[in-house]
Amino acid sequence: MHAPGGTFLIDTAPELRLQLLREKIPLVHAVIYTHAHADHLFGLDDLRLFGHVLGKPVPLYCEENVEAQILASYAYAFAPPGEPLHPGALPLLTLERIGTEPFELLGQTVQPIRLIHGRLPVLGFRFGNVAFCTDVSLIPDESWPLLEGLDVLVLDCLREYPHATHFGLPQSLAVVERVRPKQTYFTHVSHHLDYDATNAKLPPGVALAYDGLRIEVAG
């Protein structure tokens, strides 16, 4: 996401380097994490050079359980080096603990949203008029007010029928009906949802997301 003070990512997916090159993003200033599953975490090392270019560590904003997984999976990035290493040998990263309280990041207010992914508490995020809620199978009662008045909702929708840890199409459409954003994009879509065929039967204001989609964030 492009904020007034720089660019930050939501999660670090595998093959992150290829995605950054495709989208022509030359520099990442920070990352916020939804949760620590491999498909949302294991591109972290692709941030390796950004801290050296910035001259300071790249902050990773995450909950305590995500922090623990990052430290376990990328211990080498946080342990003091045992011998002199060449510049760029290790990522420059720092961990910043967050919860469900809003915080400022690069001039942008970030409102975390508690979601449930199977049995795992995870985070969605709201930025002004846009909310991003991937990997969700349940929205807790306390989170619904944070989805009111949206221009754009990006929402999990794995396939036609329910899944143990993701919304299926009927559940995702029920969220849209309750929240009534101006526009909804379904994400985390599997091969079970053909792009053209699915879009043709979705209601107005609802569509499948796609690589390279750009969304304007106001406020």
Protein backbone atom coordinates (compact mmCIF):
# COMPACT_ATOMS: atom_id res chain seq x y z
CA MET A 1 0.00 0.00 0.00
CA HIS A 2 1.25 3.47 -0.86
CA ALA A 3 0.96 5.72 2.23
CA PRO A 4 2.03 9.36 2.60
CA GLY A 5 5.34 8.32 4.17
CA GLY A 6 6.22 5.31 2.02
CA THR A 7 5.03 1.88 0.96
CA PHE A 8 3.99 -0.99 3.22
CA LEU A 9 2.89 -4.54 2.53
CA ILE A 10 0.19 -6.70 4.02
CA ASP A 11 2.03 -10.00 4.62
CA THR A 12 5.10 -11.34 2.80
CA ALA A 13 3.89 -14.08 0.52
CA PRO A 14 6.21 -16.61 -1.17
CA GLU A 15 7.73 -15.32 -4.42
CA LEU A 16 7.44 -11.80 -3.02
CA ARG A 17 10.39 -10.60 -5.11
CA LEU A 18 8.61 -11.55 -8.33
CA GLN A 19 5.45 -9.78 -7.22
CA LEU A 20 7.34 -6.59 -6.33
CA LEU A 21 9.07 -6.62 -9.71
CA ARG A 22 5.78 -7.22 -11.53
CA GLU A 23 4.14 -4.28 -9.76
CA LYS A 24 7.24 -2.06 -10.10
CA ILE A 25 7.54 -1.46 -6.34
CA PRO A 26 11.17 -0.41 -5.78
CA LEU A 27 11.16 -0.04 -1.99
CA VAL A 28 9.20 -1.40 0.99
CA HIS A 29 9.24 0.62 4.21
CA ALA A 30 7.20 -1.68 6.50
CA VAL A 31 5.01 -4.79 6.67
CA ILE A 32 1.83 -5.55 8.60
CA TYR A 33 0.82 -9.19 9.13
CA THR A 34 -2.58 -10.84 9.18
CA HIS A 35 -1.20 -14.14 10.54
CA ALA A 36 1.78 -16.48 10.26
CA HIS A 37 0.70 -19.23 7.88
CA ALA A 38 3.36 -20.07 5.30
CA ASP A 39 1.50 -18.53 2.36
CA HIS A 40 1.48 -15.19 4.20
CA LEU A 41 4.96 -15.28 5.74
CA PHE A 42 7.55 -17.18 3.75
CA GLY A 43 8.59 -14.41 1.38
CA LEU A 44 10.08 -12.47 4.28
CA ASP A 45 13.70 -12.91 3.22
CA ASP A 46 12.92 -11.05 -0.01
CA LEU A 47 12.96 -7.89 2.13
CA ARG A 48 16.67 -8.52 2.70
CA LEU A 49 18.09 -5.44 0.97
CA PHE A 50 15.42 -2.86 1.78
CA GLY A 51 16.71 -2.15 5.27
CA HIS A 52 20.20 -1.57 3.89
CA VAL A 53 18.85 0.81 1.25
CA LEU A 54 16.81 2.66 3.89
CA GLY A 55 19.70 2.70 6.35
CA LYS A 56 17.46 1.30 9.11
CA PRO A 57 15.51 -1.90 9.84
CA VAL A 58 12.22 -2.57 8.12
CA PRO A 59 9.54 -2.76 10.86
CA LEU A 60 7.27 -5.82 10.91
CA TYR A 61 3.95 -5.08 12.65
CA CYS A 62 2.34 -8.22 14.03
CA GLU A 63 0.65 -9.92 16.93
CA GLU A 64 2.56 -11.89 19.55
CA ASN A 65 1.94 -15.32 18.02
CA VAL A 66 3.07 -14.09 14.59
CA GLU A 67 6.19 -12.62 16.14
CA ALA A 68 7.00 -15.98 17.72
CA GLN A 69 6.66 -17.73 14.35
CA ILE A 70 8.85 -15.17 12.61
CA LEU A 71 11.55 -15.59 15.24
CA ALA A 72 11.37 -19.38 14.91
CA SER A 73 11.42 -19.42 11.11
CA TYR A 74 13.93 -16.60 10.57
CA ALA A 75 16.13 -16.83 13.65
CA TYR A 76 19.23 -15.97 11.59
CA ALA A 77 17.77 -12.56 10.76
CA PHE A 78 17.53 -11.52 14.42
CA ALA A 79 20.48 -13.28 16.09
CA PRO A 80 23.71 -11.27 16.48
CA PRO A 81 26.15 -12.42 13.78
CA GLY A 82 28.95 -14.64 15.03
CA GLU A 83 31.45 -13.31 12.54
CA PRO A 84 31.79 -10.28 10.26
CA LEU A 85 29.41 -10.57 7.34
CA HIS A 86 29.36 -8.72 4.06
CA PRO A 87 26.79 -5.92 3.66
CA GLY A 88 23.37 -7.27 2.84
CA ALA A 89 24.12 -10.77 4.14
CA LEU A 90 21.29 -10.52 6.67
CA PRO A 91 17.95 -8.75 6.48
CA LEU A 92 17.59 -5.66 8.64
CA LEU A 93 14.27 -6.16 10.42
CA THR A 94 12.61 -5.13 13.65
CA LEU A 95 9.44 -6.46 15.29
CA GLU A 96 6.64 -4.12 16.36
CA ARG A 97 3.83 -5.62 18.46
CA ILE A 98 0.24 -4.74 17.55
CA GLY A 99 -3.20 -5.83 18.69
CA THR A 100 -6.64 -4.58 17.72
CA GLU A 101 -6.04 -0.92 18.57
CA PRO A 102 -5.54 1.50 15.65
CA PHE A 103 -2.01 2.74 14.96
CA GLU A 104 -0.21 5.15 12.64
CA LEU A 105 2.07 3.80 9.95
CA LEU A 106 3.86 6.02 7.45
CA GLY A 107 1.19 8.69 7.82
CA GLN A 108 -1.69 6.22 7.38
CA THR A 109 -4.08 5.19 10.16
CA VAL A 110 -4.35 1.39 10.32
CA GLN A 111 -7.34 -0.14 12.11
CA PRO A 112 -6.85 -3.85 12.84
CA ILE A 113 -9.98 -6.01 12.63
CA ARG A 114 -10.25 -9.25 14.61
CA LEU A 115 -11.22 -12.18 12.39
CA ILE A 116 -11.31 -15.95 12.91
CA HIS A 117 -9.56 -18.28 10.44
CA GLY A 118 -10.81 -21.74 11.40
CA ARG A 119 -9.84 -21.72 15.08
CA LEU A 120 -7.03 -19.17 14.66
CA PRO A 121 -7.54 -15.50 15.59
CA VAL A 122 -6.12 -13.40 12.76
CA LEU A 123 -6.28 -9.77 11.68
CA GLY A 124 -7.89 -7.89 8.85
CA PHE A 125 -7.15 -4.21 8.36
CA ARG A 126 -9.08 -1.06 7.55
CA PHE A 127 -7.49 1.98 5.92
CA GLY A 128 -9.94 4.85 5.70
CA ASN A 129 -12.66 3.72 3.29
CA VAL A 130 -11.08 0.34 2.43
CA ALA A 131 -10.99 -2.92 4.44
CA PHE A 132 -8.87 -6.01 3.69
CA CYS A 133 -10.14 -9.25 5.21
CA THR A 134 -8.45 -12.37 3.86
CA ASP A 135 -8.34 -15.84 5.45
CA VAL A 136 -11.57 -15.61 7.44
CA SER A 137 -14.30 -18.08 8.27
CA LEU A 138 -15.98 -16.05 11.03
CA ILE A 139 -16.35 -12.36 11.80
CA PRO A 140 -16.76 -11.80 15.56
CA ASP A 141 -19.59 -9.59 16.77
CA GLU A 142 -17.24 -6.84 17.88
CA SER A 143 -15.70 -6.54 14.41
CA TRP A 144 -18.83 -5.83 12.37
CA PRO A 145 -18.95 -2.10 13.28
CA LEU A 146 -15.44 -1.71 11.83
CA LEU A 147 -16.83 -2.78 8.43
CA GLU A 148 -19.51 -0.10 8.26
CA GLY A 149 -19.42 2.69 5.67
CA LEU A 150 -16.87 1.10 3.34
CA ASP A 151 -16.23 2.15 -0.22
CA VAL A 152 -14.25 -1.04 -0.88
CA LEU A 153 -14.16 -4.41 0.90
CA VAL A 154 -11.58 -7.04 -0.06
CA LEU A 155 -12.92 -10.30 1.34
CA ASP A 156 -11.94 -13.97 1.50
CA CYS A 157 -13.86 -16.26 -0.88
CA LEU A 158 -12.15 -19.59 -1.50
CA ARG A 159 -14.68 -21.57 -3.53
CA GLU A 160 -18.40 -22.20 -4.19
CA TYR A 161 -18.99 -24.24 -1.03
CA PRO A 162 -17.86 -23.81 2.60
CA HIS A 163 -14.39 -24.62 3.89
CA ALA A 164 -13.21 -25.24 7.45
CA THR A 165 -11.06 -22.10 7.52
CA HIS A 166 -12.32 -19.86 4.70
CA PHE A 167 -15.56 -18.31 3.54
CA GLY A 168 -17.23 -20.00 0.61
CA LEU A 169 -19.20 -17.98 -1.92
CA PRO A 170 -22.53 -18.03 -0.02
CA GLN A 171 -20.86 -16.86 3.20
CA SER A 172 -18.95 -14.10 1.39
CA LEU A 173 -22.11 -12.86 -0.30
CA ALA A 174 -23.89 -12.85 3.06
CA VAL A 175 -21.18 -10.55 4.43
CA VAL A 176 -21.62 -8.25 1.44
CA GLU A 177 -25.38 -8.18 2.01
CA ARG A 178 -24.89 -7.22 5.67
CA VAL A 179 -22.04 -4.71 5.24
CA ARG A 180 -23.16 -3.23 1.90
CA PRO A 181 -19.86 -1.72 0.73
CA LYS A 182 -19.94 0.23 -2.51
CA GLN A 183 -17.59 -2.30 -4.11
CA THR A 184 -16.40 -5.75 -3.01
CA TYR A 185 -13.50 -7.79 -4.37
CA PHE A 186 -13.21 -11.46 -3.42
CA THR A 187 -9.66 -12.66 -2.77
CA HIS A 188 -7.84 -15.87 -1.78
CA VAL A 189 -9.75 -17.46 -4.65
CA SER A 190 -9.02 -21.07 -5.62
CA HIS A 191 -9.12 -22.71 -9.04
CA HIS A 192 -12.68 -23.82 -8.26
CA LEU A 193 -13.93 -20.32 -9.11
CA ASP A 194 -13.44 -19.59 -12.80
CA TYR A 195 -12.82 -15.86 -13.21
CA ASP A 196 -15.19 -15.06 -16.09
CA ALA A 197 -17.93 -17.53 -15.17
CA THR A 198 -17.99 -16.44 -11.53
CA ASN A 199 -17.96 -12.71 -12.30
CA ALA A 200 -20.86 -13.20 -14.71
CA LYS A 201 -23.14 -14.40 -11.92
CA LEU A 202 -22.02 -12.12 -9.09
CA PRO A 203 -24.32 -9.23 -8.13
CA PRO A 204 -23.53 -5.62 -9.09
CA GLY A 205 -20.66 -4.17 -7.10
CA VAL A 206 -19.06 -7.58 -6.47
CA ALA A 207 -16.18 -9.10 -8.48
CA LEU A 208 -13.19 -11.39 -8.12
CA ALA A 209 -9.90 -9.65 -7.40
CA TYR A 210 -6.92 -10.13 -9.73
CA ASP A 211 -3.16 -9.62 -9.73
CA GLY A 212 -2.32 -5.97 -10.28
CA LEU A 213 -5.66 -4.63 -9.02
CA ARG A 214 -5.28 -1.10 -7.68
CA ILE A 215 -7.67 0.44 -5.14
CA GLU A 216 -7.85 4.10 -4.15
CA VAL A 217 -7.74 4.69 -0.39
CA ALA A 218 -9.29 7.93 0.90
CA GLY A 219 -9.00 9.22 4.45
